[in-house]
Amino acid sequence: VAPQIRHRFDQVKKVADGANVPCGPIPPQAYSPL
């Protein structure tokens, strides 16, 4: 889940958990050149 929609993380995680798919936030530093 992108940092821009962190407020929706719990909603997405609930759906992912129901499908047994690991779910986590993307760290903000992921948007850097590296």
Full PDB file with SEQRES, HELIX, SHEET, SSBOND, CRYST1, ORIGX, SCALE, CONECT and MASTER records, all heavy atoms in Angstrom:
SEQRES   1 A   34  VAL ALA PRO GLN ILE ARG HIS ARG PHE ASP GLN VAL LYS          
SEQRES   2 A   34  LYS VAL ALA ASP GLY ALA ASN VAL PRO CYS GLY PRO ILE          
SEQRES   3 A   34  PRO PRO GLN ALA TYR SER PRO LEU                              
HELIX    1 AA1 PRO A    3  ARG A    8  5                                   6    
HELIX    2 AA2 PHE A    9  GLY A   18  1                                  10    
HELIX    3 AA3 PRO A   28  TYR A   31  5                                   4    
CRYST1    1.000    1.000    1.000  90.00  90.00  90.00 P 1           1          
ORIGX1      1.000000  0.000000  0.000000        0.00000                         
ORIGX2      0.000000  1.000000  0.000000        0.00000                         
ORIGX3      0.000000  0.000000  1.000000        0.00000                         
SCALE1      1.000000  0.000000  0.000000        0.00000                         
SCALE2      0.000000  1.000000  0.000000        0.00000                         
SCALE3      0.000000  0.000000  1.000000        0.00000                         
ATOM      1  N   VAL A   1       0.842  -1.194   0.000  1.00  0.00           N  
ATOM      2  CA  VAL A   1       0.000   0.000   0.000  1.00  0.00           C  
ATOM      3  C   VAL A   1       0.876   1.242   0.000  1.00  0.00           C  
ATOM      4  O   VAL A   1       1.787   1.374   0.819  1.00  0.00           O  
ATOM      5  CB  VAL A   1      -0.944  -0.004   1.218  1.00  0.00           C  
ATOM      6  CG1 VAL A   1      -1.831   1.229   1.214  1.00  0.00           C  
ATOM      7  CG2 VAL A   1      -1.803  -1.269   1.233  1.00  0.00           C  
ATOM      8  N   ALA A   2       0.576   2.157  -0.909  1.00  0.00           N  
ATOM      9  CA  ALA A   2       1.348   3.390  -1.055  1.00  0.00           C  
ATOM     10  C   ALA A   2       1.173   4.305   0.161  1.00  0.00           C  
ATOM     11  O   ALA A   2       0.102   4.331   0.773  1.00  0.00           O  
ATOM     12  CB  ALA A   2       0.907   4.137  -2.307  1.00  0.00           C  
ATOM     13  N   PRO A   3       2.218   5.070   0.491  1.00  0.00           N  
ATOM     14  CA  PRO A   3       2.132   5.999   1.630  1.00  0.00           C  
ATOM     15  C   PRO A   3       1.032   7.055   1.456  1.00  0.00           C  
ATOM     16  O   PRO A   3       0.451   7.501   2.426  1.00  0.00           O  
ATOM     17  CB  PRO A   3       3.507   6.676   1.674  1.00  0.00           C  
ATOM     18  CG  PRO A   3       4.397   5.901   0.785  1.00  0.00           C  
ATOM     19  CD  PRO A   3       3.544   5.083  -0.129  1.00  0.00           C  
ATOM     20  N   GLN A   4       0.732   7.419   0.208  1.00  0.00           N  
ATOM     21  CA  GLN A   4      -0.278   8.443  -0.038  1.00  0.00           C  
ATOM     22  C   GLN A   4      -1.678   8.025   0.408  1.00  0.00           C  
ATOM     23  O   GLN A   4      -2.527   8.868   0.626  1.00  0.00           O  
ATOM     24  CB  GLN A   4      -0.334   8.816  -1.532  1.00  0.00           C  
ATOM     25  CG  GLN A   4       0.961   9.338  -2.093  1.00  0.00           C  
ATOM     26  CD  GLN A   4       1.820   8.234  -2.692  1.00  0.00           C  
ATOM     27  OE1 GLN A   4       1.864   7.108  -2.191  1.00  0.00           O  
ATOM     28  NE2 GLN A   4       2.522   8.549  -3.772  1.00  0.00           N  
ATOM     29  N   ILE A   5      -1.893   6.736   0.521  1.00  0.00           N  
ATOM     30  CA  ILE A   5      -3.219   6.248   0.943  1.00  0.00           C  
ATOM     31  C   ILE A   5      -3.107   5.427   2.225  1.00  0.00           C  
ATOM     32  O   ILE A   5      -3.884   4.508   2.459  1.00  0.00           O  
ATOM     33  CB  ILE A   5      -3.932   5.461  -0.180  1.00  0.00           C  
ATOM     34  CG1 ILE A   5      -3.097   4.272  -0.633  1.00  0.00           C  
ATOM     35  CG2 ILE A   5      -4.299   6.367  -1.331  1.00  0.00           C  
ATOM     36  CD1 ILE A   5      -3.866   3.305  -1.504  1.00  0.00           C  
ATOM     37  N   ARG A   6      -2.159   5.784   3.055  1.00  0.00           N  
ATOM     38  CA  ARG A   6      -1.953   5.079   4.317  1.00  0.00           C  
ATOM     39  C   ARG A   6      -3.241   5.023   5.150  1.00  0.00           C  
ATOM     40  O   ARG A   6      -3.487   4.069   5.881  1.00  0.00           O  
ATOM     41  CB  ARG A   6      -0.830   5.744   5.118  1.00  0.00           C  
ATOM     42  CG  ARG A   6      -0.377   4.928   6.298  1.00  0.00           C  
ATOM     43  CD  ARG A   6       0.888   5.479   6.911  1.00  0.00           C  
ATOM     44  NE  ARG A   6       2.011   5.478   5.993  1.00  0.00           N  
ATOM     45  CZ  ARG A   6       2.873   4.476   5.870  1.00  0.00           C  
ATOM     46  NH1 ARG A   6       2.742   3.405   6.601  1.00  0.00           N  
ATOM     47  NH2 ARG A   6       3.871   4.546   5.027  1.00  0.00           N  
ATOM     48  N   HIS A   7      -4.081   6.035   5.016  1.00  0.00           N  
ATOM     49  CA  HIS A   7      -5.342   6.058   5.753  1.00  0.00           C  
ATOM     50  C   HIS A   7      -6.274   4.914   5.353  1.00  0.00           C  
ATOM     51  O   HIS A   7      -7.221   4.601   6.062  1.00  0.00           O  
ATOM     52  CB  HIS A   7      -6.042   7.417   5.582  1.00  0.00           C  
ATOM     53  CG  HIS A   7      -6.405   7.728   4.162  1.00  0.00           C  
ATOM     54  ND1 HIS A   7      -5.457   8.127   3.223  1.00  0.00           N  
ATOM     55  CD2 HIS A   7      -7.584   7.681   3.512  1.00  0.00           C  
ATOM     56  CE1 HIS A   7      -6.061   8.321   2.063  1.00  0.00           C  
ATOM     57  NE2 HIS A   7      -7.348   8.055   2.209  1.00  0.00           N  
ATOM     58  N   ARG A   8      -6.003   4.277   4.234  1.00  0.00           N  
ATOM     59  CA  ARG A   8      -6.820   3.147   3.787  1.00  0.00           C  
ATOM     60  C   ARG A   8      -6.112   1.808   4.003  1.00  0.00           C  
ATOM     61  O   ARG A   8      -6.606   0.771   3.574  1.00  0.00           O  
ATOM     62  CB  ARG A   8      -7.159   3.304   2.310  1.00  0.00           C  
ATOM     63  CG  ARG A   8      -8.037   4.507   2.057  1.00  0.00           C  
ATOM     64  CD  ARG A   8      -8.996   4.197   0.961  1.00  0.00           C  
ATOM     65  NE  ARG A   8      -9.960   5.252   0.820  1.00  0.00           N  
ATOM     66  CZ  ARG A   8     -10.342   5.758  -0.323  1.00  0.00           C  
ATOM     67  NH1 ARG A   8      -9.840   5.295  -1.438  1.00  0.00           N  
ATOM     68  NH2 ARG A   8     -11.250   6.706  -0.369  1.00  0.00           N  
ATOM     69  N   PHE A   9      -4.967   1.834   4.661  1.00  0.00           N  
ATOM     70  CA  PHE A   9      -4.188   0.608   4.839  1.00  0.00           C  
ATOM     71  C   PHE A   9      -4.995  -0.484   5.536  1.00  0.00           C  
ATOM     72  O   PHE A   9      -5.000  -1.630   5.090  1.00  0.00           O  
ATOM     73  CB  PHE A   9      -2.896   0.883   5.617  1.00  0.00           C  
ATOM     74  CG  PHE A   9      -2.087  -0.366   5.855  1.00  0.00           C  
ATOM     75  CD1 PHE A   9      -1.334  -0.913   4.834  1.00  0.00           C  
ATOM     76  CD2 PHE A   9      -2.104  -1.013   7.079  1.00  0.00           C  
ATOM     77  CE1 PHE A   9      -0.607  -2.081   5.024  1.00  0.00           C  
ATOM     78  CE2 PHE A   9      -1.386  -2.176   7.286  1.00  0.00           C  
ATOM     79  CZ  PHE A   9      -0.637  -2.712   6.249  1.00  0.00           C  
ATOM     80  N   ASP A  10      -5.668  -0.154   6.635  1.00  0.00           N  
ATOM     81  CA  ASP A  10      -6.423  -1.178   7.382  1.00  0.00           C  
ATOM     82  C   ASP A  10      -7.490  -1.835   6.513  1.00  0.00           C  
ATOM     83  O   ASP A  10      -7.696  -3.044   6.585  1.00  0.00           O  
ATOM     84  CB  ASP A  10      -7.056  -0.572   8.630  1.00  0.00           C  
ATOM     85  CG  ASP A  10      -6.029  -0.192   9.684  1.00  0.00           C  
ATOM     86  OD1 ASP A  10      -4.888  -0.708   9.625  1.00  0.00           O  
ATOM     87  OD2 ASP A  10      -6.355   0.621  10.566  1.00  0.00           O  
ATOM     88  N   GLN A  11      -8.139  -1.038   5.674  1.00  0.00           N  
ATOM     89  CA  GLN A  11      -9.172  -1.560   4.770  1.00  0.00           C  
ATOM     90  C   GLN A  11      -8.549  -2.552   3.778  1.00  0.00           C  
ATOM     91  O   GLN A  11      -9.076  -3.646   3.574  1.00  0.00           O  
ATOM     92  CB  GLN A  11      -9.814  -0.396   4.019  1.00  0.00           C  
ATOM     93  CG  GLN A  11     -10.722  -0.801   2.888  1.00  0.00           C  
ATOM     94  CD  GLN A  11     -11.068   0.379   1.974  1.00  0.00           C  
ATOM     95  OE1 GLN A  11     -10.720   1.518   2.247  1.00  0.00           O  
ATOM     96  NE2 GLN A  11     -11.733   0.090   0.883  1.00  0.00           N  
ATOM     97  N   VAL A  12      -7.430  -2.184   3.184  1.00  0.00           N  
ATOM     98  CA  VAL A  12      -6.765  -3.052   2.214  1.00  0.00           C  
ATOM     99  C   VAL A  12      -6.225  -4.300   2.902  1.00  0.00           C  
ATOM    100  O   VAL A  12      -6.357  -5.412   2.399  1.00  0.00           O  
ATOM    101  CB  VAL A  12      -5.637  -2.293   1.485  1.00  0.00           C  
ATOM    102  CG1 VAL A  12      -4.822  -3.230   0.600  1.00  0.00           C  
ATOM    103  CG2 VAL A  12      -6.213  -1.140   0.667  1.00  0.00           C  
ATOM    104  N   LYS A  13      -5.613  -4.134   4.072  1.00  0.00           N  
ATOM    105  CA  LYS A  13      -5.035  -5.273   4.799  1.00  0.00           C  
ATOM    106  C   LYS A  13      -6.113  -6.287   5.163  1.00  0.00           C  
ATOM    107  O   LYS A  13      -5.881  -7.495   5.083  1.00  0.00           O  
ATOM    108  CB  LYS A  13      -4.306  -4.797   6.056  1.00  0.00           C  
ATOM    109  CG  LYS A  13      -3.699  -5.960   6.836  1.00  0.00           C  
ATOM    110  CD  LYS A  13      -2.397  -5.598   7.453  1.00  0.00           C  
ATOM    111  CE  LYS A  13      -1.774  -6.681   8.288  1.00  0.00           C  
ATOM    112  NZ  LYS A  13      -1.801  -8.011   7.776  1.00  0.00           N  
ATOM    113  N   LYS A  14      -7.282  -5.830   5.528  1.00  0.00           N  
ATOM    114  CA  LYS A  14      -8.375  -6.741   5.877  1.00  0.00           C  
ATOM    115  C   LYS A  14      -8.742  -7.623   4.673  1.00  0.00           C  
ATOM    116  O   LYS A  14      -8.922  -8.831   4.813  1.00  0.00           O  
ATOM    117  CB  LYS A  14      -9.588  -5.937   6.342  1.00  0.00           C  
ATOM    118  CG  LYS A  14     -10.740  -6.784   6.801  1.00  0.00           C  
ATOM    119  CD  LYS A  14     -11.878  -5.929   7.317  1.00  0.00           C  
ATOM    120  CE  LYS A  14     -13.046  -6.775   7.745  1.00  0.00           C  
ATOM    121  NZ  LYS A  14     -14.178  -5.970   8.202  1.00  0.00           N  
ATOM    122  N   VAL A  15      -8.804  -7.025   3.503  1.00  0.00           N  
ATOM    123  CA  VAL A  15      -9.116  -7.785   2.285  1.00  0.00           C  
ATOM    124  C   VAL A  15      -7.980  -8.758   1.979  1.00  0.00           C  
ATOM    125  O   VAL A  15      -8.206  -9.921   1.655  1.00  0.00           O  
ATOM    126  CB  VAL A  15      -9.368  -6.835   1.099  1.00  0.00           C  
ATOM    127  CG1 VAL A  15      -9.538  -7.619  -0.196  1.00  0.00           C  
ATOM    128  CG2 VAL A  15     -10.593  -5.966   1.354  1.00  0.00           C  
ATOM    129  N   ALA A  16      -6.738  -8.281   2.090  1.00  0.00           N  
ATOM    130  CA  ALA A  16      -5.577  -9.136   1.817  1.00  0.00           C  
ATOM    131  C   ALA A  16      -5.496 -10.290   2.804  1.00  0.00           C  
ATOM    132  O   ALA A  16      -5.239 -11.428   2.418  1.00  0.00           O  
ATOM    133  CB  ALA A  16      -4.292  -8.306   1.858  1.00  0.00           C  
ATOM    134  N   ASP A  17      -5.734 -10.022   4.076  1.00  0.00           N  
ATOM    135  CA  ASP A  17      -5.721 -11.079   5.086  1.00  0.00           C  
ATOM    136  C   ASP A  17      -6.763 -12.136   4.774  1.00  0.00           C  
ATOM    137  O   ASP A  17      -6.515 -13.333   4.937  1.00  0.00           O  
ATOM    138  CB  ASP A  17      -5.954 -10.503   6.484  1.00  0.00           C  
ATOM    139  CG  ASP A  17      -4.765  -9.744   7.037  1.00  0.00           C  
ATOM    140  OD1 ASP A  17      -3.664  -9.812   6.438  1.00  0.00           O  
ATOM    141  OD2 ASP A  17      -4.932  -9.054   8.070  1.00  0.00           O  
ATOM    142  N   GLY A  18      -7.928 -11.693   4.310  1.00  0.00           N  
ATOM    143  CA  GLY A  18      -8.992 -12.633   3.955  1.00  0.00           C  
ATOM    144  C   GLY A  18      -8.604 -13.543   2.798  1.00  0.00           C  
ATOM    145  O   GLY A  18      -9.106 -14.651   2.672  1.00  0.00           O  
ATOM    146  N   ALA A  19      -7.691 -13.067   1.952  1.00  0.00           N  
ATOM    147  CA  ALA A  19      -7.226 -13.850   0.807  1.00  0.00           C  
ATOM    148  C   ALA A  19      -5.878 -14.520   1.094  1.00  0.00           C  
ATOM    149  O   ALA A  19      -5.272 -15.105   0.202  1.00  0.00           O  
ATOM    150  CB  ALA A  19      -7.101 -12.948  -0.416  1.00  0.00           C  
ATOM    151  N   ASN A  20      -5.412 -14.430   2.349  1.00  0.00           N  
ATOM    152  CA  ASN A  20      -4.111 -14.997   2.751  1.00  0.00           C  
ATOM    153  C   ASN A  20      -2.956 -14.458   1.921  1.00  0.00           C  
ATOM    154  O   ASN A  20      -2.054 -15.210   1.524  1.00  0.00           O  
ATOM    155  CB  ASN A  20      -4.137 -16.528   2.710  1.00  0.00           C  
ATOM    156  CG  ASN A  20      -5.049 -17.100   3.759  1.00  0.00           C  
ATOM    157  OD1 ASN A  20      -5.068 -16.626   4.895  1.00  0.00           O  
ATOM    158  ND2 ASN A  20      -5.829 -18.101   3.386  1.00  0.00           N  
ATOM    159  N   VAL A  21      -2.982 -13.157   1.639  1.00  0.00           N  
ATOM    160  CA  VAL A  21      -1.916 -12.482   0.906  1.00  0.00           C  
ATOM    161  C   VAL A  21      -1.218 -11.530   1.870  1.00  0.00           C  
ATOM    162  O   VAL A  21      -1.867 -10.670   2.458  1.00  0.00           O  
ATOM    163  CB  VAL A  21      -2.480 -11.701  -0.305  1.00  0.00           C  
ATOM    164  CG1 VAL A  21      -1.386 -10.908  -1.000  1.00  0.00           C  
ATOM    165  CG2 VAL A  21      -3.169 -12.645  -1.280  1.00  0.00           C  
ATOM    166  N   PRO A  22       0.105 -11.679   2.076  1.00  0.00           N  
ATOM    167  CA  PRO A  22       0.815 -10.762   2.961  1.00  0.00           C  
ATOM    168  C   PRO A  22       0.658  -9.321   2.462  1.00  0.00           C  
ATOM    169  O   PRO A  22       0.728  -9.065   1.264  1.00  0.00           O  
ATOM    170  CB  PRO A  22       2.282 -11.188   2.863  1.00  0.00           C  
ATOM    171  CG  PRO A  22       2.293 -12.503   2.180  1.00  0.00           C  
ATOM    172  CD  PRO A  22       0.995 -12.644   1.445  1.00  0.00           C  
ATOM    173  N   CYS A  23       0.441  -8.399   3.387  1.00  0.00           N  
ATOM    174  CA  CYS A  23       0.190  -7.013   3.018  1.00  0.00           C  
ATOM    175  C   CYS A  23       0.986  -6.087   3.930  1.00  0.00           C  
ATOM    176  O   CYS A  23       1.041  -6.309   5.143  1.00  0.00           O  
ATOM    177  CB  CYS A  23      -1.302  -6.718   3.143  1.00  0.00           C  
ATOM    178  SG  CYS A  23      -1.777  -5.044   2.681  1.00  0.00           S  
ATOM    179  N   GLY A  24       1.593  -5.079   3.340  1.00  0.00           N  
ATOM    180  CA  GLY A  24       2.350  -4.115   4.124  1.00  0.00           C  
ATOM    181  C   GLY A  24       2.441  -2.787   3.414  1.00  0.00           C  
ATOM    182  O   GLY A  24       2.139  -2.676   2.224  1.00  0.00           O  
ATOM    183  N   PRO A  25       2.862  -1.760   4.139  1.00  0.00           N  
ATOM    184  CA  PRO A  25       3.006  -0.439   3.531  1.00  0.00           C  
ATOM    185  C   PRO A  25       4.305  -0.322   2.746  1.00  0.00           C  
ATOM    186  O   PRO A  25       5.294  -0.980   3.054  1.00  0.00           O  
ATOM    187  CB  PRO A  25       3.027   0.496   4.741  1.00  0.00           C  
ATOM    188  CG  PRO A  25       3.583  -0.341   5.846  1.00  0.00           C  
ATOM    189  CD  PRO A  25       3.126  -1.751   5.579  1.00  0.00           C  
ATOM    190  N   ILE A  26       4.279   0.505   1.733  1.00  0.00           N  
ATOM    191  CA  ILE A  26       5.499   0.838   1.001  1.00  0.00           C  
ATOM    192  C   ILE A  26       6.188   1.954   1.767  1.00  0.00           C  
ATOM    193  O   ILE A  26       5.566   2.968   2.075  1.00  0.00           O  
ATOM    194  CB  ILE A  26       5.182   1.302  -0.429  1.00  0.00           C  
ATOM    195  CG1 ILE A  26       4.689   0.122  -1.258  1.00  0.00           C  
ATOM    196  CG2 ILE A  26       6.410   1.943  -1.083  1.00  0.00           C  
ATOM    197  CD1 ILE A  26       4.356   0.474  -2.675  1.00  0.00           C  
ATOM    198  N   PRO A  27       7.469   1.783   2.110  1.00  0.00           N  
ATOM    199  CA  PRO A  27       8.165   2.841   2.823  1.00  0.00           C  
ATOM    200  C   PRO A  27       8.334   4.076   1.939  1.00  0.00           C  
ATOM    201  O   PRO A  27       8.566   3.940   0.733  1.00  0.00           O  
ATOM    202  CB  PRO A  27       9.525   2.229   3.166  1.00  0.00           C  
ATOM    203  CG  PRO A  27       9.622   0.942   2.447  1.00  0.00           C  
ATOM    204  CD  PRO A  27       8.287   0.606   1.871  1.00  0.00           C  
ATOM    205  N   PRO A  28       8.214   5.271   2.521  1.00  0.00           N  
ATOM    206  CA  PRO A  28       8.343   6.502   1.726  1.00  0.00           C  
ATOM    207  C   PRO A  28       9.657   6.590   0.947  1.00  0.00           C  
ATOM    208  O   PRO A  28       9.691   7.138  -0.149  1.00  0.00           O  
ATOM    209  CB  PRO A  28       8.259   7.611   2.777  1.00  0.00           C  
ATOM    210  CG  PRO A  28       7.519   7.002   3.917  1.00  0.00           C  
ATOM    211  CD  PRO A  28       7.888   5.543   3.906  1.00  0.00           C  
ATOM    212  N   GLN A  29      10.749   6.024   1.481  1.00  0.00           N  
ATOM    213  CA  GLN A  29      12.035   6.092   0.786  1.00  0.00           C  
ATOM    214  C   GLN A  29      12.040   5.300  -0.521  1.00  0.00           C  
ATOM    215  O   GLN A  29      12.961   5.412  -1.313  1.00  0.00           O  
ATOM    216  CB  GLN A  29      13.195   5.697   1.693  1.00  0.00           C  
ATOM    217  CG  GLN A  29      13.133   4.305   2.250  1.00  0.00           C  
ATOM    218  CD  GLN A  29      12.419   4.221   3.598  1.00  0.00           C  
ATOM    219  OE1 GLN A  29      11.479   4.959   3.847  1.00  0.00           O  
ATOM    220  NE2 GLN A  29      12.848   3.319   4.455  1.00  0.00           N  
ATOM    221  N   ALA A  30      10.993   4.527  -0.767  1.00  0.00           N  
ATOM    222  CA  ALA A  30      10.896   3.780  -2.015  1.00  0.00           C  
ATOM    223  C   ALA A  30      10.749   4.712  -3.216  1.00  0.00           C  
ATOM    224  O   ALA A  30      10.992   4.306  -4.340  1.00  0.00           O  
ATOM    225  CB  ALA A  30       9.710   2.817  -1.968  1.00  0.00           C  
ATOM    226  N   TYR A  31      10.378   5.943  -2.971  1.00  0.00           N  
ATOM    227  CA  TYR A  31      10.184   6.901  -4.055  1.00  0.00           C  
ATOM    228  C   TYR A  31      11.456   7.683  -4.372  1.00  0.00           C  
ATOM    229  O   TYR A  31      11.445   8.607  -5.156  1.00  0.00           O  
ATOM    230  CB  TYR A  31       9.041   7.859  -3.714  1.00  0.00           C  
ATOM    231  CG  TYR A  31       7.713   7.147  -3.686  1.00  0.00           C  
ATOM    232  CD1 TYR A  31       7.232   6.584  -2.515  1.00  0.00           C  
ATOM    233  CD2 TYR A  31       6.958   7.008  -4.839  1.00  0.00           C  
ATOM    234  CE1 TYR A  31       6.021   5.905  -2.493  1.00  0.00           C  
ATOM    235  CE2 TYR A  31       5.754   6.334  -4.827  1.00  0.00           C  
ATOM    236  CZ  TYR A  31       5.289   5.788  -3.646  1.00  0.00           C  
ATOM    237  OH  TYR A  31       4.099   5.117  -3.635  1.00  0.00           O  
ATOM    238  N   SER A  32      12.567   7.296  -3.778  1.00  0.00           N  
ATOM    239  CA  SER A  32      13.850   7.947  -4.038  1.00  0.00           C  
ATOM    240  C   SER A  32      14.505   7.299  -5.252  1.00  0.00           C  
ATOM    241  O   SER A  32      14.048   6.250  -5.728  1.00  0.00           O  
ATOM    242  CB  SER A  32      14.761   7.815  -2.817  1.00  0.00           C  
ATOM    243  OG  SER A  32      15.209   6.487  -2.691  1.00  0.00           O  
ATOM    244  N   PRO A  33      15.613   7.880  -5.748  1.00  0.00           N  
ATOM    245  CA  PRO A  33      16.293   7.277  -6.900  1.00  0.00           C  
ATOM    246  C   PRO A  33      16.746   5.835  -6.665  1.00  0.00           C  
ATOM    247  O   PRO A  33      16.858   5.065  -7.608  1.00  0.00           O  
ATOM    248  CB  PRO A  33      17.505   8.193  -7.110  1.00  0.00           C  
ATOM    249  CG  PRO A  33      17.070   9.507  -6.564  1.00  0.00           C  
ATOM    250  CD  PRO A  33      16.180   9.173  -5.389  1.00  0.00           C  
ATOM    251  N   LEU A  34      17.006   5.455  -5.431  1.00  0.00           N  
ATOM    252  CA  LEU A  34      17.417   4.085  -5.126  1.00  0.00           C  
ATOM    253  C   LEU A  34      16.245   3.268  -4.582  1.00  0.00           C  
ATOM    254  O   LEU A  34      16.441   2.280  -3.881  1.00  0.00           O  
ATOM    255  CB  LEU A  34      18.567   4.091  -4.115  1.00  0.00           C  
ATOM    256  CG  LEU A  34      19.834   4.821  -4.581  1.00  0.00           C  
ATOM    257  CD1 LEU A  34      20.857   4.883  -3.467  1.00  0.00           C  
ATOM    258  CD2 LEU A  34      20.417   4.148  -5.805  1.00  0.00           C  
TER     259      LEU A  34                                                      
MASTER        0    0    0    3    0    0    0    6  258    1    0    3          
END                                                                             
